[in-house]
N, C-alpha and C. Protein backbone atom coordinates (compact mmCIF):
# COMPACT_ATOMS: atom_id res chain seq x y z
N UNK A 1 -13.23 35.74 18.64
CA UNK A 1 -12.53 34.60 18.05
C UNK A 1 -12.29 34.84 16.57
N UNK A 2 -11.06 34.61 16.12
CA UNK A 2 -10.74 34.76 14.71
C UNK A 2 -11.29 33.60 13.90
N UNK A 3 -11.47 33.83 12.60
CA UNK A 3 -12.02 32.77 11.77
C UNK A 3 -10.93 32.11 10.94
N UNK A 4 -9.82 31.80 11.56
CA UNK A 4 -8.77 31.14 10.80
C UNK A 4 -9.08 29.64 10.72
N UNK A 5 -8.83 29.06 9.58
CA UNK A 5 -9.11 27.66 9.35
C UNK A 5 -7.81 26.88 9.51
N UNK A 6 -7.90 25.79 10.23
CA UNK A 6 -6.72 24.96 10.46
C UNK A 6 -6.90 23.62 9.76
N UNK A 7 -5.84 23.10 9.18
CA UNK A 7 -5.93 21.87 8.38
C UNK A 7 -5.12 20.76 8.99
N UNK A 8 -5.47 19.55 8.56
CA UNK A 8 -4.69 18.38 8.99
C UNK A 8 -3.54 18.23 8.00
N UNK A 9 -2.36 18.66 8.37
CA UNK A 9 -1.22 18.57 7.46
C UNK A 9 -0.26 17.50 7.96
N UNK A 10 -0.76 16.28 8.04
CA UNK A 10 0.09 15.19 8.51
C UNK A 10 1.23 14.97 7.53
N UNK A 11 2.43 14.81 8.01
CA UNK A 11 3.54 14.56 7.10
C UNK A 11 3.39 13.21 6.43
N UNK A 12 2.75 12.27 7.12
CA UNK A 12 2.63 10.93 6.58
C UNK A 12 1.57 10.86 5.50
N UNK A 13 0.46 11.59 5.67
CA UNK A 13 -0.61 11.55 4.69
C UNK A 13 -1.19 10.15 4.62
N UNK A 14 -1.77 9.83 3.49
CA UNK A 14 -2.37 8.54 3.30
C UNK A 14 -1.29 7.55 2.87
N UNK A 15 -1.27 6.40 3.48
CA UNK A 15 -0.28 5.38 3.15
C UNK A 15 -0.82 4.53 2.01
N UNK A 16 -0.04 4.39 0.95
CA UNK A 16 -0.44 3.56 -0.18
C UNK A 16 0.23 2.19 -0.03
N UNK A 17 -0.58 1.14 -0.05
CA UNK A 17 -0.07 -0.20 0.21
C UNK A 17 0.90 -0.65 -0.88
N UNK A 18 0.62 -0.29 -2.13
CA UNK A 18 1.54 -0.72 -3.20
C UNK A 18 2.92 -0.09 -3.03
N UNK A 19 2.98 1.09 -2.41
CA UNK A 19 4.29 1.70 -2.14
C UNK A 19 4.97 0.99 -0.97
N UNK A 20 4.17 0.55 0.01
CA UNK A 20 4.73 -0.15 1.17
C UNK A 20 5.39 -1.47 0.75
N UNK A 21 4.78 -2.15 -0.21
CA UNK A 21 5.30 -3.46 -0.62
C UNK A 21 6.70 -3.35 -1.23
N UNK A 22 7.02 -2.19 -1.77
CA UNK A 22 8.34 -1.99 -2.39
C UNK A 22 9.42 -1.71 -1.36
N UNK A 23 9.04 -1.36 -0.14
CA UNK A 23 10.02 -0.99 0.89
C UNK A 23 10.61 -2.21 1.58
N UNK A 24 11.80 -2.02 2.17
CA UNK A 24 12.43 -3.10 2.93
C UNK A 24 11.82 -3.14 4.32
N UNK A 25 12.17 -4.21 5.06
CA UNK A 25 11.60 -4.37 6.40
C UNK A 25 12.05 -3.25 7.33
N UNK A 26 13.31 -2.83 7.22
CA UNK A 26 13.82 -1.75 8.07
C UNK A 26 13.06 -0.44 7.81
N UNK A 27 12.81 -0.14 6.53
CA UNK A 27 12.06 1.07 6.20
C UNK A 27 10.63 1.00 6.74
N UNK A 28 10.03 -0.19 6.63
CA UNK A 28 8.67 -0.37 7.14
C UNK A 28 8.62 -0.16 8.65
N UNK A 29 9.61 -0.71 9.36
CA UNK A 29 9.64 -0.56 10.81
C UNK A 29 9.84 0.91 11.21
N UNK A 30 10.68 1.63 10.45
CA UNK A 30 10.86 3.07 10.71
C UNK A 30 9.55 3.83 10.50
N UNK A 31 8.86 3.50 9.40
CA UNK A 31 7.60 4.18 9.12
C UNK A 31 6.57 3.87 10.21
N UNK A 32 6.56 2.63 10.67
CA UNK A 32 5.64 2.24 11.74
C UNK A 32 5.91 3.03 13.01
N UNK A 33 7.20 3.17 13.32
CA UNK A 33 7.58 3.94 14.52
C UNK A 33 7.12 5.39 14.40
N UNK A 34 7.31 5.98 13.22
CA UNK A 34 6.88 7.37 13.00
C UNK A 34 5.36 7.52 13.13
N UNK A 35 4.63 6.58 12.53
CA UNK A 35 3.17 6.65 12.60
C UNK A 35 2.67 6.53 14.03
N UNK A 36 3.28 5.62 14.80
CA UNK A 36 2.85 5.44 16.19
C UNK A 36 3.17 6.68 17.02
N UNK A 37 4.32 7.30 16.75
CA UNK A 37 4.67 8.53 17.46
C UNK A 37 3.67 9.64 17.14
N UNK A 38 3.32 9.76 15.87
CA UNK A 38 2.35 10.77 15.44
C UNK A 38 0.99 10.54 16.11
N UNK A 39 0.60 9.27 16.18
CA UNK A 39 -0.68 8.92 16.79
C UNK A 39 -0.69 9.27 18.28
N UNK A 40 0.41 8.99 18.95
CA UNK A 40 0.47 9.31 20.39
C UNK A 40 0.44 10.83 20.60
N UNK A 41 1.08 11.59 19.71
CA UNK A 41 1.02 13.05 19.81
C UNK A 41 -0.41 13.56 19.67
N UNK A 42 -1.13 12.99 18.72
CA UNK A 42 -2.52 13.41 18.53
C UNK A 42 -3.37 13.06 19.74
N UNK A 43 -3.12 11.90 20.33
CA UNK A 43 -3.89 11.51 21.52
C UNK A 43 -3.62 12.47 22.68
N UNK A 44 -2.36 12.84 22.84
CA UNK A 44 -2.00 13.80 23.89
C UNK A 44 -2.67 15.14 23.60
N UNK A 45 -2.66 15.55 22.34
CA UNK A 45 -3.25 16.83 21.97
C UNK A 45 -4.75 16.84 22.25
N UNK A 46 -5.41 15.70 22.08
CA UNK A 46 -6.84 15.64 22.35
C UNK A 46 -7.10 15.84 23.84
N UNK A 47 -6.30 15.18 24.67
CA UNK A 47 -6.50 15.27 26.12
C UNK A 47 -6.23 16.69 26.61
N UNK A 48 -5.17 17.31 26.09
CA UNK A 48 -4.81 18.66 26.54
C UNK A 48 -5.59 19.74 25.81
N UNK A 49 -6.49 19.31 24.93
CA UNK A 49 -7.27 20.23 24.09
C UNK A 49 -6.38 21.02 23.15
N UNK A 50 -5.21 20.48 22.86
CA UNK A 50 -4.38 20.97 21.79
C UNK A 50 -3.71 22.31 22.00
N UNK A 51 -2.41 22.27 22.00
CA UNK A 51 -1.63 23.51 21.96
C UNK A 51 -1.74 24.06 20.54
N UNK A 52 -1.56 25.37 20.33
CA UNK A 52 -1.75 25.93 18.98
C UNK A 52 -0.90 25.26 17.90
N UNK A 53 0.32 24.84 18.25
CA UNK A 53 1.15 24.21 17.22
C UNK A 53 0.65 22.81 16.87
N UNK A 54 -0.06 22.14 17.79
CA UNK A 54 -0.57 20.80 17.50
C UNK A 54 -1.92 20.87 16.81
N UNK A 55 -2.64 21.97 17.01
CA UNK A 55 -3.96 22.08 16.40
C UNK A 55 -3.90 21.96 14.88
N UNK A 56 -2.81 22.43 14.30
CA UNK A 56 -2.71 22.39 12.84
C UNK A 56 -2.73 20.96 12.33
N UNK A 57 -2.38 19.99 13.18
CA UNK A 57 -2.40 18.60 12.75
C UNK A 57 -3.72 17.94 13.10
N UNK A 58 -4.52 18.59 13.91
CA UNK A 58 -5.75 17.95 14.36
C UNK A 58 -6.95 18.38 13.53
N UNK A 59 -7.04 19.64 13.16
CA UNK A 59 -8.16 20.08 12.35
C UNK A 59 -7.94 19.66 10.90
N UNK A 60 -9.05 19.30 10.23
CA UNK A 60 -8.96 18.82 8.86
C UNK A 60 -10.25 19.17 8.15
N UNK A 61 -10.17 19.53 6.90
CA UNK A 61 -11.41 19.74 6.16
C UNK A 61 -11.31 20.77 5.06
N UNK A 62 -12.45 21.11 4.53
CA UNK A 62 -12.61 22.09 3.47
C UNK A 62 -12.21 23.47 3.98
N UNK A 63 -11.48 24.27 3.21
CA UNK A 63 -11.07 25.59 3.70
C UNK A 63 -12.24 26.50 4.05
N UNK A 64 -13.46 26.20 3.57
CA UNK A 64 -14.61 27.05 3.86
C UNK A 64 -15.27 26.70 5.20
N UNK A 65 -14.86 25.60 5.82
CA UNK A 65 -15.49 25.18 7.06
C UNK A 65 -14.55 25.35 8.23
N UNK A 66 -15.11 25.46 9.39
CA UNK A 66 -14.31 25.38 10.61
C UNK A 66 -14.80 24.12 11.32
N UNK A 67 -13.99 23.11 11.31
CA UNK A 67 -14.43 21.81 11.83
C UNK A 67 -14.16 21.73 13.31
N UNK A 68 -15.08 21.11 14.02
CA UNK A 68 -14.92 21.03 15.48
C UNK A 68 -13.70 20.20 15.83
N UNK A 69 -13.16 20.46 17.00
CA UNK A 69 -11.92 19.83 17.45
C UNK A 69 -12.02 18.31 17.44
N UNK A 70 -13.07 17.76 18.06
CA UNK A 70 -13.18 16.31 18.20
C UNK A 70 -13.35 15.63 16.85
N UNK A 71 -14.11 16.21 15.94
CA UNK A 71 -14.29 15.61 14.63
C UNK A 71 -12.98 15.56 13.86
N UNK A 72 -12.23 16.66 13.90
CA UNK A 72 -10.93 16.69 13.22
C UNK A 72 -9.98 15.67 13.81
N UNK A 73 -10.00 15.56 15.12
CA UNK A 73 -9.14 14.57 15.78
C UNK A 73 -9.52 13.17 15.35
N UNK A 74 -10.83 12.93 15.30
CA UNK A 74 -11.32 11.60 14.95
C UNK A 74 -10.87 11.21 13.55
N UNK A 75 -10.99 12.12 12.59
CA UNK A 75 -10.62 11.82 11.20
C UNK A 75 -9.13 11.51 11.11
N UNK A 76 -8.30 12.33 11.75
CA UNK A 76 -6.86 12.12 11.66
C UNK A 76 -6.43 10.83 12.36
N UNK A 77 -7.01 10.56 13.54
CA UNK A 77 -6.61 9.34 14.24
C UNK A 77 -7.08 8.11 13.49
N UNK A 78 -8.27 8.18 12.87
CA UNK A 78 -8.72 7.04 12.07
C UNK A 78 -7.76 6.77 10.93
N UNK A 79 -7.35 7.83 10.26
CA UNK A 79 -6.43 7.69 9.14
C UNK A 79 -5.09 7.11 9.61
N UNK A 80 -4.61 7.61 10.74
CA UNK A 80 -3.33 7.11 11.28
C UNK A 80 -3.43 5.66 11.71
N UNK A 81 -4.54 5.31 12.39
CA UNK A 81 -4.69 3.92 12.84
C UNK A 81 -4.80 2.98 11.65
N UNK A 82 -5.47 3.43 10.59
CA UNK A 82 -5.55 2.64 9.37
C UNK A 82 -4.16 2.46 8.76
N UNK A 83 -3.37 3.52 8.75
CA UNK A 83 -2.01 3.44 8.20
C UNK A 83 -1.14 2.48 9.00
N UNK A 84 -1.26 2.53 10.33
CA UNK A 84 -0.50 1.61 11.19
C UNK A 84 -0.90 0.18 10.87
N UNK A 85 -2.20 -0.07 10.74
CA UNK A 85 -2.68 -1.41 10.42
C UNK A 85 -2.15 -1.89 9.07
N UNK A 86 -2.13 -1.00 8.09
CA UNK A 86 -1.65 -1.37 6.76
C UNK A 86 -0.17 -1.72 6.79
N UNK A 87 0.62 -0.94 7.51
CA UNK A 87 2.06 -1.22 7.61
C UNK A 87 2.28 -2.57 8.29
N UNK A 88 1.56 -2.81 9.39
CA UNK A 88 1.70 -4.09 10.09
C UNK A 88 1.29 -5.26 9.19
N UNK A 89 0.24 -5.08 8.41
CA UNK A 89 -0.24 -6.13 7.51
C UNK A 89 0.82 -6.45 6.46
N UNK A 90 1.43 -5.43 5.88
CA UNK A 90 2.46 -5.65 4.86
C UNK A 90 3.67 -6.36 5.47
N UNK A 91 4.06 -5.97 6.69
CA UNK A 91 5.19 -6.62 7.36
C UNK A 91 4.90 -8.10 7.56
N UNK A 92 3.70 -8.43 8.05
CA UNK A 92 3.37 -9.84 8.30
C UNK A 92 3.27 -10.62 7.00
N UNK A 93 2.75 -9.99 5.94
CA UNK A 93 2.66 -10.67 4.64
C UNK A 93 4.05 -10.97 4.09
N UNK A 94 4.98 -10.02 4.25
CA UNK A 94 6.35 -10.25 3.78
C UNK A 94 7.01 -11.38 4.55
N UNK A 95 6.80 -11.42 5.88
CA UNK A 95 7.38 -12.48 6.69
C UNK A 95 6.83 -13.84 6.26
N UNK A 96 5.52 -13.90 6.03
CA UNK A 96 4.89 -15.17 5.65
C UNK A 96 5.39 -15.61 4.27
N UNK A 97 5.56 -14.68 3.35
CA UNK A 97 6.07 -15.01 2.01
C UNK A 97 7.49 -15.55 2.10
N UNK A 98 8.32 -14.95 2.97
CA UNK A 98 9.69 -15.43 3.15
C UNK A 98 9.69 -16.84 3.74
N UNK A 99 8.80 -17.08 4.70
CA UNK A 99 8.70 -18.43 5.29
C UNK A 99 8.25 -19.45 4.26
N UNK A 100 7.27 -19.07 3.43
CA UNK A 100 6.81 -20.00 2.38
C UNK A 100 7.97 -20.38 1.46
N UNK A 101 8.77 -19.39 1.12
CA UNK A 101 9.93 -19.64 0.25
C UNK A 101 10.93 -20.57 0.94
N UNK A 102 11.14 -20.36 2.23
CA UNK A 102 12.11 -21.17 2.98
C UNK A 102 11.65 -22.62 3.12
N UNK A 103 10.35 -22.82 3.30
CA UNK A 103 9.82 -24.17 3.53
C UNK A 103 9.32 -24.84 2.25
N UNK A 104 9.61 -24.23 1.09
CA UNK A 104 9.09 -24.76 -0.17
C UNK A 104 9.53 -26.20 -0.44
N UNK A 105 10.81 -26.49 -0.20
CA UNK A 105 11.35 -27.81 -0.53
C UNK A 105 11.25 -28.81 0.63
N UNK A 106 10.82 -28.35 1.80
CA UNK A 106 10.76 -29.22 2.97
C UNK A 106 9.55 -30.15 2.89
N UNK A 107 9.65 -31.25 3.63
CA UNK A 107 8.56 -32.23 3.61
C UNK A 107 7.37 -31.74 4.44
N UNK A 108 7.64 -31.22 5.63
CA UNK A 108 6.57 -30.77 6.51
C UNK A 108 6.57 -29.25 6.61
N UNK A 109 5.36 -28.69 6.70
CA UNK A 109 5.19 -27.25 6.82
C UNK A 109 4.72 -26.89 8.23
N UNK A 110 5.04 -25.71 8.72
CA UNK A 110 4.44 -25.25 9.97
C UNK A 110 2.92 -25.12 9.80
N UNK A 111 2.19 -25.22 10.91
CA UNK A 111 0.73 -25.21 10.84
C UNK A 111 0.17 -23.96 10.17
N UNK A 112 0.76 -22.80 10.44
CA UNK A 112 0.20 -21.58 9.87
C UNK A 112 0.47 -21.43 8.37
N UNK A 113 1.35 -22.26 7.81
CA UNK A 113 1.61 -22.21 6.37
C UNK A 113 0.82 -23.26 5.60
N UNK A 114 0.22 -24.20 6.32
CA UNK A 114 -0.58 -25.23 5.65
C UNK A 114 -1.91 -24.64 5.20
N UNK A 115 -2.52 -25.28 4.17
CA UNK A 115 -3.83 -24.76 3.74
C UNK A 115 -4.87 -24.90 4.84
N UNK A 116 -5.76 -23.93 4.96
CA UNK A 116 -6.73 -23.91 6.06
C UNK A 116 -7.75 -25.03 5.92
N UNK A 117 -8.49 -25.06 4.82
CA UNK A 117 -9.54 -26.04 4.55
C UNK A 117 -10.48 -26.16 5.75
N UNK A 118 -11.17 -27.31 5.86
CA UNK A 118 -12.01 -27.54 7.04
C UNK A 118 -11.42 -28.70 7.80
N UNK A 119 -11.87 -28.87 9.03
CA UNK A 119 -11.31 -29.92 9.87
C UNK A 119 -11.54 -31.29 9.24
N UNK A 120 -12.74 -31.52 8.70
CA UNK A 120 -13.07 -32.81 8.10
C UNK A 120 -12.19 -33.09 6.88
N UNK A 121 -11.96 -32.07 6.06
CA UNK A 121 -11.12 -32.26 4.86
C UNK A 121 -9.69 -32.56 5.26
N UNK A 122 -9.19 -31.88 6.31
CA UNK A 122 -7.82 -32.13 6.75
C UNK A 122 -7.67 -33.55 7.29
N UNK A 123 -8.72 -34.10 7.89
CA UNK A 123 -8.65 -35.45 8.46
C UNK A 123 -8.81 -36.55 7.41
N UNK A 124 -9.29 -36.19 6.22
CA UNK A 124 -9.58 -37.17 5.19
C UNK A 124 -8.33 -37.89 4.71
N UNK A 125 -8.50 -39.12 4.21
CA UNK A 125 -7.37 -39.86 3.64
C UNK A 125 -6.89 -39.18 2.36
N UNK A 126 -5.60 -39.31 2.09
CA UNK A 126 -5.07 -38.80 0.83
C UNK A 126 -5.50 -39.74 -0.29
N UNK A 127 -5.32 -39.34 -1.55
CA UNK A 127 -5.71 -40.19 -2.68
C UNK A 127 -4.94 -41.50 -2.64
N UNK A 128 -3.65 -41.42 -2.33
CA UNK A 128 -2.82 -42.61 -2.28
C UNK A 128 -3.30 -43.57 -1.19
N UNK A 129 -3.58 -43.03 0.00
CA UNK A 129 -4.05 -43.88 1.10
C UNK A 129 -5.39 -44.52 0.77
N UNK A 130 -6.27 -43.78 0.12
CA UNK A 130 -7.60 -44.31 -0.20
C UNK A 130 -7.52 -45.40 -1.26
N UNK A 131 -6.52 -45.34 -2.15
CA UNK A 131 -6.42 -46.33 -3.23
C UNK A 131 -5.73 -47.62 -2.80
N UNK A 132 -5.08 -47.65 -1.65
CA UNK A 132 -4.38 -48.86 -1.20
C UNK A 132 -5.37 -50.00 -0.91
N UNK A 133 -4.93 -51.24 -1.20
CA UNK A 133 -5.78 -52.41 -0.96
C UNK A 133 -5.05 -53.37 -0.02
N UNK A 134 -5.83 -54.12 0.76
CA UNK A 134 -5.23 -55.11 1.67
C UNK A 134 -4.79 -56.32 0.86
N UNK A 135 -3.99 -57.19 1.47
CA UNK A 135 -3.53 -58.40 0.79
C UNK A 135 -4.71 -59.28 0.41
N UNK A 136 -5.68 -59.37 1.31
CA UNK A 136 -6.87 -60.20 1.07
C UNK A 136 -7.63 -59.69 -0.15
N UNK A 137 -7.82 -58.39 -0.26
CA UNK A 137 -8.52 -57.80 -1.41
C UNK A 137 -7.76 -58.08 -2.70
N UNK A 138 -6.43 -57.99 -2.64
CA UNK A 138 -5.62 -58.23 -3.84
C UNK A 138 -5.77 -59.67 -4.33
N UNK A 139 -5.73 -60.62 -3.39
CA UNK A 139 -5.85 -62.04 -3.80
C UNK A 139 -7.25 -62.32 -4.33
N UNK A 140 -8.28 -61.78 -3.70
CA UNK A 140 -9.65 -61.99 -4.20
C UNK A 140 -9.78 -61.46 -5.62
N UNK A 141 -9.24 -60.28 -5.85
CA UNK A 141 -9.31 -59.66 -7.17
C UNK A 141 -8.58 -60.52 -8.22
N UNK A 142 -7.45 -61.13 -7.76
CA UNK A 142 -6.66 -61.94 -8.68
C UNK A 142 -7.40 -63.24 -9.04
N UNK A 143 -8.00 -63.90 -8.02
CA UNK A 143 -8.65 -65.19 -8.27
C UNK A 143 -10.06 -65.05 -8.85
N UNK A 144 -10.70 -63.96 -8.58
CA UNK A 144 -12.06 -63.75 -9.09
C UNK A 144 -12.14 -62.40 -9.80
N UNK A 145 -11.54 -62.35 -11.01
CA UNK A 145 -11.56 -61.07 -11.73
C UNK A 145 -12.96 -60.77 -12.26
N UNK A 146 -13.14 -59.55 -12.73
CA UNK A 146 -14.42 -59.16 -13.33
C UNK A 146 -14.66 -60.02 -14.55
N UNK A 147 -15.87 -60.59 -14.66
CA UNK A 147 -16.17 -61.46 -15.80
C UNK A 147 -16.43 -60.62 -17.04
N UNK A 148 -15.93 -61.15 -18.16
CA UNK A 148 -16.09 -60.44 -19.42
C UNK A 148 -16.98 -61.28 -20.33
N UNK A 149 -17.99 -60.67 -20.89
CA UNK A 149 -18.92 -61.37 -21.77
C UNK A 149 -18.83 -60.77 -23.16
N UNK A 150 -18.92 -61.67 -24.16
CA UNK A 150 -18.95 -61.21 -25.55
C UNK A 150 -20.23 -61.73 -26.19
N UNK A 151 -20.94 -60.90 -26.90
CA UNK A 151 -22.19 -61.30 -27.53
C UNK A 151 -21.98 -61.30 -29.03
N UNK A 152 -22.29 -62.44 -29.66
CA UNK A 152 -22.18 -62.53 -31.12
C UNK A 152 -23.50 -62.11 -31.74
N UNK A 153 -23.42 -61.33 -32.77
CA UNK A 153 -24.63 -60.90 -33.45
C UNK A 153 -24.71 -61.50 -34.81
């Protein structure tokens, strides 16, 4: 067996989220498609124990080491799955931001755009509702106001 070292030379590399935020939705969807295709290729390569041309994408590590097949596969698939998750997260965040902008001036918001809070806080009366008084309370307050006392010294 030769001692040639094979590296993980993924074309995608590590995905930087700040770069993803600058891209349009179409570009993000294209990148997502590419990442998923790459991931499926790696999965096939693991099952078939890798053809020589695919091994170069599966092995990863220091040039002084020869890393085992499964470990190299694991590192690359983890990185790819993380990248897929990051792209999906950015897409959903952009969609939610666009929805927030669209519903900014509306009276009612969809449930997923409302503040989460707790169930008890959401059920609580608003400040305006809590400050309202009944007719009976208003008349009592009018006829029996708070007494004011003045003390002469």
